[in-house]
Amino acid sequence: MTAATVAPSTDRSSIAPGLRALVGNVAGYSAVRAAQALDRLSGRLGDTVRDVGEAAEDTIQDVVDDHGAAADAVTGGVSAALQDKNPVWGALKEVWAGTRTSTKVLVITALVLALLLGPVVLVLLLLALLVTLIVLAVRHSRG
C-alpha cells in the first residue's frame, strides 16, 4: 500500500455533498419526530380538555338539578359567558324565567307603582323643601 491510499483524502469537494445530504436527512428526521411529538401532545391535551369539559358539565348539571334561584343564575351566567354575551343579563334572564308567575306579577306591579308615584314623591319633596326655606326665611327676618 502506498501512502496515498492509506492517508485520508484532503479533497473537500467530495465530502461536501455527503455532509449536505447528511444534514438534510438529520433535519428531515428531526422535523418528522417533532411533528410526531406535537401530534401526541395535542392528542393528550385534547383528551385532557375533553375530560375537564365533561367534569364541568356534570358539575353544572348537578347544580341545575337543585332548581334554586342561585343555581338558575349561575347556569344562565355561565351559558351567556360561553356564548360571549354579558353574564349578568344571562343570569337575570334565567332567574326571571325560573320565578313563579305570582312573583313576576308583584315585581311588575312594584315597578309600575314606582314609575307612577316617582314624580309625585319628587313634587312632594320639592314642596317640603320650599316650605322649609320659607320657614327659615321668616325666622331669619324676625331674628
N, C-alpha and C. Protein backbone atom coordinates (compact mmCIF):
# COMPACT_ATOMS: atom_id res chain seq x y z
N MET A 1 0.82 -1.17 0.00
CA MET A 1 0.00 0.00 0.00
C MET A 1 0.86 1.23 0.00
N THR A 2 0.37 2.15 -0.67
CA THR A 2 1.12 3.40 -0.76
C THR A 2 0.56 4.38 0.25
N ALA A 3 1.28 5.43 0.46
CA ALA A 3 0.86 6.44 1.41
C ALA A 3 -0.39 7.15 0.93
N ALA A 4 -0.59 7.23 -0.35
CA ALA A 4 -1.75 7.93 -0.88
C ALA A 4 -3.03 7.15 -0.61
N THR A 5 -3.00 5.83 -0.59
CA THR A 5 -4.21 5.05 -0.34
C THR A 5 -4.52 4.95 1.14
N VAL A 6 -3.50 5.05 2.02
CA VAL A 6 -3.72 4.95 3.46
C VAL A 6 -4.18 6.29 4.02
N ALA A 7 -3.65 7.37 3.60
CA ALA A 7 -3.99 8.69 4.12
C ALA A 7 -5.36 9.10 3.62
N PRO A 8 -6.09 9.76 4.48
CA PRO A 8 -7.41 10.23 4.03
C PRO A 8 -7.27 11.30 2.97
N SER A 9 -8.27 11.39 2.18
CA SER A 9 -8.26 12.36 1.10
C SER A 9 -8.46 13.76 1.66
N THR A 10 -7.76 14.69 1.13
CA THR A 10 -7.90 16.09 1.55
C THR A 10 -8.78 16.86 0.59
N ASP A 11 -9.38 16.18 -0.33
CA ASP A 11 -10.25 16.82 -1.30
C ASP A 11 -11.61 17.07 -0.64
N ARG A 12 -11.87 18.33 -0.30
CA ARG A 12 -13.10 18.65 0.42
C ARG A 12 -14.32 18.65 -0.50
N SER A 13 -14.13 18.77 -1.73
CA SER A 13 -15.27 18.82 -2.65
C SER A 13 -16.01 17.50 -2.69
N SER A 14 -15.35 16.38 -2.41
CA SER A 14 -16.03 15.09 -2.44
C SER A 14 -16.78 14.83 -1.13
N ILE A 15 -16.44 15.51 -0.03
CA ILE A 15 -17.10 15.32 1.26
C ILE A 15 -18.32 16.24 1.38
N ALA A 16 -18.31 17.39 0.79
CA ALA A 16 -19.36 18.38 0.95
C ALA A 16 -20.74 17.87 0.55
N PRO A 17 -20.91 17.21 -0.59
CA PRO A 17 -22.26 16.73 -0.94
C PRO A 17 -22.78 15.70 0.06
N GLY A 18 -21.89 14.86 0.55
CA GLY A 18 -22.31 13.87 1.53
C GLY A 18 -22.73 14.51 2.84
N LEU A 19 -21.98 15.53 3.28
CA LEU A 19 -22.35 16.23 4.51
C LEU A 19 -23.66 16.99 4.34
N ARG A 20 -23.86 17.59 3.19
CA ARG A 20 -25.13 18.28 2.93
C ARG A 20 -26.29 17.30 2.98
N ALA A 21 -26.11 16.15 2.37
CA ALA A 21 -27.17 15.14 2.38
C ALA A 21 -27.43 14.65 3.80
N LEU A 22 -26.34 14.47 4.57
CA LEU A 22 -26.49 14.04 5.96
C LEU A 22 -27.24 15.09 6.78
N VAL A 23 -26.87 16.35 6.63
CA VAL A 23 -27.56 17.43 7.36
C VAL A 23 -29.02 17.50 6.93
N GLY A 24 -29.29 17.36 5.65
CA GLY A 24 -30.68 17.36 5.17
C GLY A 24 -31.48 16.21 5.75
N ASN A 25 -30.86 15.01 5.81
CA ASN A 25 -31.55 13.85 6.38
C ASN A 25 -31.82 14.06 7.87
N VAL A 26 -30.82 14.60 8.59
CA VAL A 26 -31.00 14.85 10.03
C VAL A 26 -32.11 15.88 10.25
N ALA A 27 -32.14 16.94 9.45
CA ALA A 27 -33.17 17.96 9.60
C ALA A 27 -34.54 17.37 9.28
N GLY A 28 -34.64 16.57 8.23
CA GLY A 28 -35.92 15.93 7.90
C GLY A 28 -36.39 14.99 8.99
N TYR A 29 -35.46 14.19 9.50
CA TYR A 29 -35.79 13.25 10.58
C TYR A 29 -36.24 14.02 11.83
N SER A 30 -35.53 15.09 12.15
CA SER A 30 -35.90 15.89 13.32
C SER A 30 -37.27 16.53 13.15
N ALA A 31 -37.57 16.99 11.95
CA ALA A 31 -38.87 17.60 11.70
C ALA A 31 -39.98 16.57 11.84
N VAL A 32 -39.76 15.37 11.33
CA VAL A 32 -40.76 14.31 11.44
C VAL A 32 -40.98 13.94 12.90
N ARG A 33 -39.89 13.79 13.66
CA ARG A 33 -40.00 13.43 15.08
C ARG A 33 -40.71 14.55 15.86
N ALA A 34 -40.42 15.80 15.54
CA ALA A 34 -41.07 16.91 16.22
C ALA A 34 -42.56 16.93 15.90
N ALA A 35 -42.91 16.67 14.65
CA ALA A 35 -44.32 16.62 14.27
C ALA A 35 -45.04 15.49 14.99
N GLN A 36 -44.39 14.33 15.10
CA GLN A 36 -45.00 13.21 15.83
C GLN A 36 -45.19 13.56 17.30
N ALA A 37 -44.19 14.21 17.90
CA ALA A 37 -44.31 14.59 19.30
C ALA A 37 -45.44 15.60 19.50
N LEU A 38 -45.56 16.56 18.57
CA LEU A 38 -46.65 17.53 18.66
C LEU A 38 -48.01 16.86 18.50
N ASP A 39 -48.10 15.89 17.60
CA ASP A 39 -49.36 15.15 17.43
C ASP A 39 -49.74 14.42 18.72
N ARG A 40 -48.75 13.75 19.33
CA ARG A 40 -49.04 13.05 20.59
C ARG A 40 -49.46 14.04 21.68
N LEU A 41 -48.75 15.16 21.76
CA LEU A 41 -49.06 16.16 22.77
C LEU A 41 -50.43 16.76 22.56
N SER A 42 -50.77 17.07 21.32
CA SER A 42 -52.08 17.65 21.05
C SER A 42 -53.19 16.64 21.32
N GLY A 43 -52.93 15.38 21.06
CA GLY A 43 -53.91 14.35 21.39
C GLY A 43 -54.15 14.25 22.89
N ARG A 44 -53.06 14.26 23.65
CA ARG A 44 -53.19 14.21 25.11
C ARG A 44 -53.88 15.46 25.63
N LEU A 45 -53.51 16.61 25.08
CA LEU A 45 -54.13 17.85 25.51
C LEU A 45 -55.62 17.86 25.17
N GLY A 46 -55.97 17.37 24.00
CA GLY A 46 -57.39 17.28 23.62
C GLY A 46 -58.16 16.37 24.56
N ASP A 47 -57.55 15.24 24.93
CA ASP A 47 -58.21 14.33 25.87
C ASP A 47 -58.40 15.00 27.23
N THR A 48 -57.39 15.72 27.67
CA THR A 48 -57.48 16.39 28.97
C THR A 48 -58.56 17.46 28.95
N VAL A 49 -58.60 18.26 27.90
CA VAL A 49 -59.61 19.30 27.79
C VAL A 49 -61.00 18.68 27.74
N ARG A 50 -61.14 17.59 27.00
CA ARG A 50 -62.42 16.90 26.91
C ARG A 50 -62.86 16.39 28.28
N ASP A 51 -61.91 15.82 29.03
CA ASP A 51 -62.24 15.31 30.37
C ASP A 51 -62.64 16.44 31.31
N VAL A 52 -61.92 17.55 31.25
CA VAL A 52 -62.26 18.69 32.11
C VAL A 52 -63.63 19.25 31.72
N GLY A 53 -63.90 19.34 30.43
CA GLY A 53 -65.20 19.83 29.98
C GLY A 53 -66.34 18.94 30.43
N GLU A 54 -66.14 17.62 30.35
CA GLU A 54 -67.17 16.69 30.80
C GLU A 54 -67.39 16.79 32.30
N ALA A 55 -66.31 16.95 33.06
CA ALA A 55 -66.44 17.09 34.51
C ALA A 55 -67.18 18.38 34.86
N ALA A 56 -66.85 19.47 34.16
CA ALA A 56 -67.54 20.74 34.41
C ALA A 56 -69.01 20.64 34.03
N GLU A 57 -69.29 19.98 32.93
CA GLU A 57 -70.68 19.80 32.52
C GLU A 57 -71.46 19.00 33.55
N ASP A 58 -70.85 17.96 34.08
CA ASP A 58 -71.51 17.16 35.11
C ASP A 58 -71.77 17.99 36.36
N THR A 59 -70.79 18.80 36.75
CA THR A 59 -70.95 19.64 37.93
C THR A 59 -72.05 20.66 37.72
N ILE A 60 -72.07 21.29 36.56
CA ILE A 60 -73.11 22.27 36.27
C ILE A 60 -74.48 21.59 36.22
N GLN A 61 -74.54 20.41 35.68
CA GLN A 61 -75.81 19.69 35.62
C GLN A 61 -76.30 19.35 37.03
N ASP A 62 -75.37 19.00 37.93
CA ASP A 62 -75.76 18.75 39.32
C ASP A 62 -76.32 20.00 39.97
N VAL A 63 -75.73 21.16 39.66
CA VAL A 63 -76.23 22.42 40.21
C VAL A 63 -77.60 22.73 39.63
N VAL A 64 -77.78 22.47 38.35
CA VAL A 64 -79.07 22.74 37.69
C VAL A 64 -80.16 21.88 38.28
N ASP A 65 -79.83 20.67 38.62
CA ASP A 65 -80.83 19.75 39.16
C ASP A 65 -81.37 20.21 40.51
N ASP A 66 -80.66 21.09 41.21
CA ASP A 66 -81.14 21.58 42.50
C ASP A 66 -82.31 22.55 42.34
N HIS A 67 -82.47 23.18 41.21
CA HIS A 67 -83.59 24.07 40.86
C HIS A 67 -83.75 25.24 41.82
N GLY A 68 -82.68 25.83 42.26
CA GLY A 68 -82.76 27.02 43.10
C GLY A 68 -82.56 28.25 42.24
N ALA A 69 -82.91 29.42 42.80
CA ALA A 69 -82.73 30.67 42.06
C ALA A 69 -81.25 30.94 41.82
N ALA A 70 -80.43 30.63 42.81
CA ALA A 70 -78.99 30.84 42.65
C ALA A 70 -78.44 29.91 41.57
N ALA A 71 -78.92 28.69 41.55
CA ALA A 71 -78.47 27.74 40.52
C ALA A 71 -78.88 28.22 39.14
N ASP A 72 -80.10 28.76 39.03
CA ASP A 72 -80.55 29.30 37.75
C ASP A 72 -79.67 30.47 37.31
N ALA A 73 -79.32 31.33 38.27
CA ALA A 73 -78.48 32.48 37.95
C ALA A 73 -77.10 32.04 37.49
N VAL A 74 -76.54 31.05 38.16
CA VAL A 74 -75.21 30.57 37.79
C VAL A 74 -75.23 29.95 36.40
N THR A 75 -76.20 29.11 36.14
CA THR A 75 -76.25 28.46 34.83
C THR A 75 -76.51 29.47 33.72
N GLY A 76 -77.37 30.44 33.98
CA GLY A 76 -77.62 31.48 32.97
C GLY A 76 -76.39 32.32 32.70
N GLY A 77 -75.68 32.67 33.77
CA GLY A 77 -74.46 33.47 33.62
C GLY A 77 -73.37 32.71 32.89
N VAL A 78 -73.18 31.45 33.24
CA VAL A 78 -72.16 30.64 32.57
C VAL A 78 -72.52 30.42 31.12
N SER A 79 -73.78 30.13 30.86
CA SER A 79 -74.22 29.92 29.49
C SER A 79 -74.01 31.17 28.64
N ALA A 80 -74.34 32.33 29.19
CA ALA A 80 -74.14 33.58 28.45
C ALA A 80 -72.65 33.85 28.24
N ALA A 81 -71.85 33.58 29.24
CA ALA A 81 -70.41 33.81 29.11
C ALA A 81 -69.80 32.91 28.05
N LEU A 82 -70.27 31.67 27.97
CA LEU A 82 -69.76 30.76 26.95
C LEU A 82 -70.17 31.18 25.55
N GLN A 83 -71.26 31.94 25.44
CA GLN A 83 -71.71 32.44 24.14
C GLN A 83 -71.19 33.85 23.87
N ASP A 84 -70.22 34.31 24.66
CA ASP A 84 -69.64 35.65 24.54
C ASP A 84 -70.68 36.75 24.68
N LYS A 85 -71.62 36.54 25.61
CA LYS A 85 -72.62 37.55 25.93
C LYS A 85 -72.40 37.99 27.37
N ASN A 86 -73.14 39.01 27.79
CA ASN A 86 -73.00 39.54 29.14
C ASN A 86 -73.55 38.52 30.15
N PRO A 87 -72.72 38.02 31.07
CA PRO A 87 -73.20 37.01 32.02
C PRO A 87 -74.22 37.55 33.01
N VAL A 88 -74.20 38.86 33.28
CA VAL A 88 -75.19 39.42 34.21
C VAL A 88 -76.58 39.31 33.61
N TRP A 89 -76.71 39.69 32.33
CA TRP A 89 -78.02 39.59 31.70
C TRP A 89 -78.46 38.13 31.57
N GLY A 90 -77.52 37.24 31.29
CA GLY A 90 -77.86 35.82 31.23
C GLY A 90 -78.38 35.31 32.55
N ALA A 91 -77.73 35.73 33.64
CA ALA A 91 -78.17 35.31 34.98
C ALA A 91 -79.56 35.89 35.29
N LEU A 92 -79.75 37.17 34.98
CA LEU A 92 -81.05 37.78 35.25
C LEU A 92 -82.17 37.12 34.44
N LYS A 93 -81.91 36.83 33.18
CA LYS A 93 -82.92 36.18 32.34
C LYS A 93 -83.29 34.80 32.89
N GLU A 94 -82.28 34.07 33.33
CA GLU A 94 -82.52 32.72 33.83
C GLU A 94 -83.30 32.76 35.15
N VAL A 95 -82.95 33.71 36.02
CA VAL A 95 -83.68 33.84 37.29
C VAL A 95 -85.11 34.27 37.02
N TRP A 96 -85.30 35.21 36.10
CA TRP A 96 -86.65 35.68 35.76
C TRP A 96 -87.48 34.54 35.18
N ALA A 97 -86.87 33.72 34.34
CA ALA A 97 -87.60 32.59 33.75
C ALA A 97 -87.96 31.55 34.81
N GLY A 98 -87.17 31.47 35.88
CA GLY A 98 -87.42 30.46 36.90
C GLY A 98 -88.35 30.89 38.01
N THR A 99 -88.73 32.18 38.04
CA THR A 99 -89.62 32.64 39.12
C THR A 99 -91.06 32.28 38.82
N ARG A 100 -91.86 32.24 39.90
CA ARG A 100 -93.28 31.91 39.74
C ARG A 100 -94.02 33.10 39.16
N THR A 101 -95.18 32.85 38.62
CA THR A 101 -95.98 33.90 37.99
C THR A 101 -96.41 34.94 39.01
N SER A 102 -96.78 34.51 40.21
CA SER A 102 -97.22 35.47 41.23
C SER A 102 -96.09 36.43 41.60
N THR A 103 -94.87 35.92 41.66
CA THR A 103 -93.73 36.78 41.97
C THR A 103 -93.49 37.77 40.83
N LYS A 104 -93.64 37.30 39.61
CA LYS A 104 -93.47 38.20 38.46
C LYS A 104 -94.51 39.31 38.48
N VAL A 105 -95.74 38.98 38.83
CA VAL A 105 -96.79 39.99 38.89
C VAL A 105 -96.48 41.02 39.97
N LEU A 106 -96.02 40.57 41.13
CA LEU A 106 -95.67 41.50 42.21
C LEU A 106 -94.52 42.43 41.81
N VAL A 107 -93.50 41.90 41.15
CA VAL A 107 -92.37 42.72 40.74
C VAL A 107 -92.79 43.75 39.71
N ILE A 108 -93.58 43.33 38.73
CA ILE A 108 -94.03 44.27 37.70
C ILE A 108 -94.93 45.34 38.30
N THR A 109 -95.82 44.96 39.24
CA THR A 109 -96.69 45.93 39.91
C THR A 109 -95.86 46.95 40.70
N ALA A 110 -94.83 46.48 41.40
CA ALA A 110 -93.98 47.39 42.17
C ALA A 110 -93.24 48.36 41.24
N LEU A 111 -92.76 47.87 40.09
CA LEU A 111 -92.07 48.75 39.14
C LEU A 111 -93.02 49.80 38.56
N VAL A 112 -94.24 49.39 38.22
CA VAL A 112 -95.20 50.34 37.66
C VAL A 112 -95.57 51.39 38.70
N LEU A 113 -95.80 50.96 39.94
CA LEU A 113 -96.12 51.92 41.00
C LEU A 113 -94.96 52.88 41.24
N ALA A 114 -93.74 52.37 41.21
CA ALA A 114 -92.58 53.24 41.41
C ALA A 114 -92.48 54.26 40.29
N LEU A 115 -92.76 53.84 39.07
CA LEU A 115 -92.70 54.78 37.95
C LEU A 115 -93.82 55.81 38.01
N LEU A 116 -95.00 55.38 38.45
CA LEU A 116 -96.13 56.32 38.52
C LEU A 116 -96.02 57.25 39.72
N LEU A 117 -95.56 56.74 40.85
CA LEU A 117 -95.51 57.55 42.06
C LEU A 117 -94.20 58.31 42.21
N GLY A 118 -93.22 58.00 41.40
CA GLY A 118 -91.94 58.70 41.48
C GLY A 118 -92.06 60.20 41.30
N PRO A 119 -92.74 60.66 40.26
CA PRO A 119 -92.90 62.13 40.09
C PRO A 119 -93.69 62.77 41.23
N VAL A 120 -94.68 62.06 41.77
CA VAL A 120 -95.46 62.60 42.88
C VAL A 120 -94.57 62.79 44.10
N VAL A 121 -93.73 61.80 44.38
CA VAL A 121 -92.82 61.89 45.52
C VAL A 121 -91.83 63.04 45.30
N LEU A 122 -91.35 63.20 44.09
CA LEU A 122 -90.44 64.29 43.79
C LEU A 122 -91.10 65.65 44.01
N VAL A 123 -92.33 65.81 43.58
CA VAL A 123 -93.05 67.07 43.79
C VAL A 123 -93.26 67.33 45.28
N LEU A 124 -93.59 66.28 46.04
CA LEU A 124 -93.78 66.44 47.49
C LEU A 124 -92.47 66.83 48.17
N LEU A 125 -91.35 66.24 47.75
CA LEU A 125 -90.06 66.62 48.32
C LEU A 125 -89.70 68.06 48.01
N LEU A 126 -89.95 68.49 46.77
CA LEU A 126 -89.68 69.89 46.41
C LEU A 126 -90.59 70.84 47.19
N LEU A 127 -91.84 70.46 47.41
CA LEU A 127 -92.76 71.28 48.19
C LEU A 127 -92.29 71.38 49.64
N ALA A 128 -91.82 70.26 50.20
CA ALA A 128 -91.31 70.27 51.57
C ALA A 128 -90.07 71.15 51.66
N LEU A 129 -89.21 71.12 50.66
CA LEU A 129 -88.03 71.98 50.64
C LEU A 129 -88.43 73.45 50.57
N LEU A 130 -89.43 73.75 49.77
CA LEU A 130 -89.91 75.13 49.64
C LEU A 130 -90.49 75.63 50.96
N VAL A 131 -91.28 74.80 51.63
CA VAL A 131 -91.85 75.18 52.92
C VAL A 131 -90.74 75.40 53.94
N THR A 132 -89.75 74.53 53.93
CA THR A 132 -88.63 74.67 54.87
C THR A 132 -87.88 75.97 54.61
N LEU A 133 -87.65 76.31 53.36
CA LEU A 133 -86.96 77.56 53.04
C LEU A 133 -87.78 78.77 53.46
N ILE A 134 -89.10 78.72 53.31
CA ILE A 134 -89.97 79.84 53.72
C ILE A 134 -89.92 80.00 55.24
N VAL A 135 -89.99 78.88 55.95
CA VAL A 135 -89.93 78.94 57.42
C VAL A 135 -88.59 79.50 57.87
N LEU A 136 -87.51 79.08 57.28
CA LEU A 136 -86.19 79.59 57.64
C LEU A 136 -86.07 81.07 57.32
N ALA A 137 -86.64 81.52 56.21
CA ALA A 137 -86.58 82.93 55.84
C ALA A 137 -87.37 83.79 56.82
N VAL A 138 -88.53 83.29 57.24
CA VAL A 138 -89.35 84.03 58.18
C VAL A 138 -88.62 84.11 59.53
N ARG A 139 -88.03 83.05 59.99
CA ARG A 139 -87.30 83.05 61.26
C ARG A 139 -86.09 83.98 61.19
N HIS A 140 -85.44 83.98 60.05
CA HIS A 140 -84.25 84.83 59.89
C HIS A 140 -84.63 86.32 59.87
N SER A 141 -85.77 86.64 59.28
CA SER A 141 -86.19 88.05 59.21
C SER A 141 -86.66 88.56 60.57
N ARG A 142 -87.18 87.70 61.45
CA ARG A 142 -87.60 88.10 62.77
C ARG A 142 -86.40 88.26 63.71
N GLY A 143 -85.39 87.46 63.47
CA GLY A 143 -84.26 87.42 64.40
C GLY A 143 -83.28 88.47 64.16
